[in-house]
Amino acid sequence: MSMILVDGSSLKDPSVFEWGLQDISASDSGRTDDLIMHKNRVGQKRKLKIAWNNPTPAETAAILQAFNPEYFMVTYPDAMSGMNETREFYAGDRSAPIRAWAARYKRYTQVTFDIIER
């Protein structure tokens, strides 16, 4: 089974998979006059940094197309729960620099982006 599923479909396993957790603070968070920080956490969201090294043009297209919808469901190994979880995400800015583009060898250096829990 693939490491991650996007809308139920498997992809090539990423070369980089970094789990992260972001705290969402209330708008009235910040330091008060007595210099005490008030975080006022109202929620938490997962952020996954993912990348595929040296993908072919076909692999690059499949990856970018899978993460192209505005929102998508991703099943992935969650570091906090220790289990596979399915959550709704959206993608940040995506990049795919070219490594080589010769007649018989066409490769991208890497396809990389973050996905953030909705």
C-alpha atoms as a PDB file:
ATOM      1  CA  MET A   1       0.000   0.000   0.000  1.00  0.00           C
ATOM      2  CA  SER A   2       1.169   3.528  -0.721  1.00  0.00           C
ATOM      3  CA  MET A   3       2.329   5.794   2.079  1.00  0.00           C
ATOM      4  CA  ILE A   4      -0.306   8.385   1.147  1.00  0.00           C
ATOM      5  CA  LEU A   5      -3.615   8.236  -0.675  1.00  0.00           C
ATOM      6  CA  VAL A   6      -5.178  11.298  -2.310  1.00  0.00           C
ATOM      7  CA  ASP A   7      -8.951  11.067  -2.720  1.00  0.00           C
ATOM      8  CA  GLY A   8      -8.564   7.299  -2.386  1.00  0.00           C
ATOM      9  CA  SER A   9      -5.940   6.945  -5.149  1.00  0.00           C
ATOM     10  CA  SER A  10      -2.374   5.861  -4.510  1.00  0.00           C
ATOM     11  CA  LEU A  11       0.680   7.756  -5.713  1.00  0.00           C
ATOM     12  CA  LYS A  12       4.362   7.004  -5.848  1.00  0.00           C
ATOM     13  CA  ASP A  13       5.681   7.277  -2.284  1.00  0.00           C
ATOM     14  CA  PRO A  14       7.259  10.678  -1.611  1.00  0.00           C
ATOM     15  CA  SER A  15      11.007  11.003  -1.046  1.00  0.00           C
ATOM     16  CA  VAL A  16      10.358  13.579   1.684  1.00  0.00           C
ATOM     17  CA  PHE A  17       7.478  13.431   4.149  1.00  0.00           C
ATOM     18  CA  GLU A  18       7.622  15.825   7.099  1.00  0.00           C
ATOM     19  CA  TRP A  19       4.717  15.932   9.547  1.00  0.00           C
ATOM     20  CA  GLY A  20       3.987  19.212  11.310  1.00  0.00           C
ATOM     21  CA  LEU A  21       1.379  20.664  13.648  1.00  0.00           C
ATOM     22  CA  GLN A  22       0.369  24.321  13.585  1.00  0.00           C
ATOM     23  CA  ASP A  23      -1.402  26.063  16.443  1.00  0.00           C
ATOM     24  CA  ILE A  24      -4.146  28.484  15.444  1.00  0.00           C
ATOM     25  CA  SER A  25      -4.367  31.416  17.859  1.00  0.00           C
ATOM     26  CA  ALA A  26      -7.318  33.720  18.496  1.00  0.00           C
ATOM     27  CA  SER A  27      -7.182  37.224  17.063  1.00  0.00           C
ATOM     28  CA  ASP A  28      -6.809  38.691  20.566  1.00  0.00           C
ATOM     29  CA  SER A  29      -3.615  36.711  21.237  1.00  0.00           C
ATOM     30  CA  GLY A  30      -0.377  38.516  22.009  1.00  0.00           C
ATOM     31  CA  ARG A  31       1.570  40.234  24.758  1.00  0.00           C
ATOM     32  CA  THR A  32      -0.177  42.313  27.359  1.00  0.00           C
ATOM     33  CA  ASP A  33       1.231  45.394  29.108  1.00  0.00           C
ATOM     34  CA  ASP A  34       2.669  43.156  31.840  1.00  0.00           C
ATOM     35  CA  LEU A  35       4.744  41.360  29.117  1.00  0.00           C
ATOM     36  CA  ILE A  36       2.934  38.048  29.511  1.00  0.00           C
ATOM     37  CA  MET A  37       2.250  36.197  26.275  1.00  0.00           C
ATOM     38  CA  HIS A  38      -1.322  34.975  25.805  1.00  0.00           C
ATOM     39  CA  LYS A  39      -1.449  32.400  23.034  1.00  0.00           C
ATOM     40  CA  ASN A  40      -5.201  31.697  23.201  1.00  0.00           C
ATOM     41  CA  ARG A  41      -5.076  28.582  21.026  1.00  0.00           C
ATOM     42  CA  VAL A  42      -8.390  27.982  19.274  1.00  0.00           C
ATOM     43  CA  GLY A  43      -7.324  25.021  17.160  1.00  0.00           C
ATOM     44  CA  GLN A  44      -4.591  22.935  15.609  1.00  0.00           C
ATOM     45  CA  LYS A  45      -4.001  21.932  11.985  1.00  0.00           C
ATOM     46  CA  ARG A  46      -1.673  19.424  10.372  1.00  0.00           C
ATOM     47  CA  LYS A  47       0.856  20.574   7.773  1.00  0.00           C
ATOM     48  CA  LEU A  48       2.696  18.023   5.648  1.00  0.00           C
ATOM     49  CA  LYS A  49       5.822  18.919   3.683  1.00  0.00           C
ATOM     50  CA  ILE A  50       6.121  16.462   0.808  1.00  0.00           C
ATOM     51  CA  ALA A  51       8.505  16.059  -2.101  1.00  0.00           C
ATOM     52  CA  TRP A  52       9.388  13.557  -4.800  1.00  0.00           C
ATOM     53  CA  ASN A  53      13.004  13.448  -5.988  1.00  0.00           C
ATOM     54  CA  ASN A  54      13.984  12.940  -9.628  1.00  0.00           C
ATOM     55  CA  PRO A  55      10.475  12.211 -11.000  1.00  0.00           C
ATOM     56  CA  THR A  56       9.793  11.543 -14.668  1.00  0.00           C
ATOM     57  CA  PRO A  57       7.484  13.885 -16.600  1.00  0.00           C
ATOM     58  CA  ALA A  58       4.637  11.352 -16.251  1.00  0.00           C
ATOM     59  CA  GLU A  59       5.181  10.998 -12.486  1.00  0.00           C
ATOM     60  CA  THR A  60       5.379  14.791 -12.125  1.00  0.00           C
ATOM     61  CA  ALA A  61       2.110  15.262 -13.996  1.00  0.00           C
ATOM     62  CA  ALA A  62       0.349  12.569 -11.930  1.00  0.00           C
ATOM     63  CA  ILE A  63       1.505  14.147  -8.652  1.00  0.00           C
ATOM     64  CA  LEU A  64       0.535  17.695  -9.635  1.00  0.00           C
ATOM     65  CA  GLN A  65      -2.839  16.589 -11.002  1.00  0.00           C
ATOM     66  CA  ALA A  66      -3.658  14.633  -7.821  1.00  0.00           C
ATOM     67  CA  PHE A  67      -3.083  17.722  -5.671  1.00  0.00           C
ATOM     68  CA  ASN A  68      -4.638  20.238  -8.080  1.00  0.00           C
ATOM     69  CA  PRO A  69      -8.233  20.360  -6.754  1.00  0.00           C
ATOM     70  CA  GLU A  70      -8.965  23.181  -4.327  1.00  0.00           C
ATOM     71  CA  TYR A  71      -9.494  20.656  -1.492  1.00  0.00           C
ATOM     72  CA  PHE A  72      -8.769  16.918  -1.336  1.00  0.00           C
ATOM     73  CA  MET A  73      -8.831  14.075   1.168  1.00  0.00           C
ATOM     74  CA  VAL A  74      -5.462  12.599   2.135  1.00  0.00           C
ATOM     75  CA  THR A  75      -4.798   9.384   4.047  1.00  0.00           C
ATOM     76  CA  TYR A  76      -1.332   9.480   5.616  1.00  0.00           C
ATOM     77  CA  PRO A  77       0.620   8.243   8.663  1.00  0.00           C
ATOM     78  CA  ASP A  78      -0.064  10.746  11.454  1.00  0.00           C
ATOM     79  CA  ALA A  79       2.833  11.222  13.879  1.00  0.00           C
ATOM     80  CA  MET A  80       0.649  12.341  16.786  1.00  0.00           C
ATOM     81  CA  SER A  81      -1.929   9.553  16.714  1.00  0.00           C
ATOM     82  CA  GLY A  82       0.485   6.871  15.518  1.00  0.00           C
ATOM     83  CA  MET A  83      -2.114   5.676  13.001  1.00  0.00           C
ATOM     84  CA  ASN A  84      -3.123   6.327   9.412  1.00  0.00           C
ATOM     85  CA  GLU A  85      -5.610   9.198   9.330  1.00  0.00           C
ATOM     86  CA  THR A  86      -7.752  10.745   6.616  1.00  0.00           C
ATOM     87  CA  ARG A  87      -8.155  14.522   6.668  1.00  0.00           C
ATOM     88  CA  GLU A  88      -9.080  17.260   4.214  1.00  0.00           C
ATOM     89  CA  PHE A  89      -6.189  19.389   2.920  1.00  0.00           C
ATOM     90  CA  TYR A  90      -5.343  22.085   0.406  1.00  0.00           C
ATOM     91  CA  ALA A  91      -1.989  22.599  -1.335  1.00  0.00           C
ATOM     92  CA  GLY A  92       0.424  25.488  -0.979  1.00  0.00           C
ATOM     93  CA  ASP A  93       2.611  26.735  -3.801  1.00  0.00           C
ATOM     94  CA  ARG A  94       4.012  23.902  -5.904  1.00  0.00           C
ATOM     95  CA  SER A  95       7.345  23.799  -7.731  1.00  0.00           C
ATOM     96  CA  ALA A  96       9.042  21.382 -10.120  1.00  0.00           C
ATOM     97  CA  PRO A  97      12.460  22.556 -11.344  1.00  0.00           C
ATOM     98  CA  ILE A  98      13.904  20.680 -14.321  1.00  0.00           C
ATOM     99  CA  ARG A  99      17.017  18.575 -13.788  1.00  0.00           C
ATOM    100  CA  ALA A 100      17.726  17.379 -17.342  1.00  0.00           C
ATOM    101  CA  TRP A 101      15.803  17.553 -20.584  1.00  0.00           C
ATOM    102  CA  ALA A 102      17.628  15.491 -23.213  1.00  0.00           C
ATOM    103  CA  ALA A 103      16.146  13.299 -25.945  1.00  0.00           C
ATOM    104  CA  ARG A 104      16.233  10.111 -23.855  1.00  0.00           C
ATOM    105  CA  TYR A 105      16.487  11.518 -20.347  1.00  0.00           C
ATOM    106  CA  LYS A 106      13.817  13.903 -19.144  1.00  0.00           C
ATOM    107  CA  ARG A 107      13.663  14.440 -15.375  1.00  0.00           C
ATOM    108  CA  TYR A 108      12.622  17.015 -12.863  1.00  0.00           C
ATOM    109  CA  THR A 109      14.911  17.634  -9.905  1.00  0.00           C
ATOM    110  CA  GLN A 110      12.053  17.521  -7.433  1.00  0.00           C
ATOM    111  CA  VAL A 111       8.340  18.166  -7.064  1.00  0.00           C
ATOM    112  CA  THR A 112       7.741  19.819  -3.713  1.00  0.00           C
ATOM    113  CA  PHE A 113       4.975  21.575  -1.789  1.00  0.00           C
ATOM    114  CA  ASP A 114       3.157  21.709   1.531  1.00  0.00           C
ATOM    115  CA  ILE A 115      -0.362  20.527   2.140  1.00  0.00           C
ATOM    116  CA  ILE A 116      -2.282  22.166   4.978  1.00  0.00           C
ATOM    117  CA  GLU A 117      -5.277  20.760   6.798  1.00  0.00           C
ATOM    118  CA  ARG A 118      -8.477  22.633   6.046  1.00  0.00           C
END
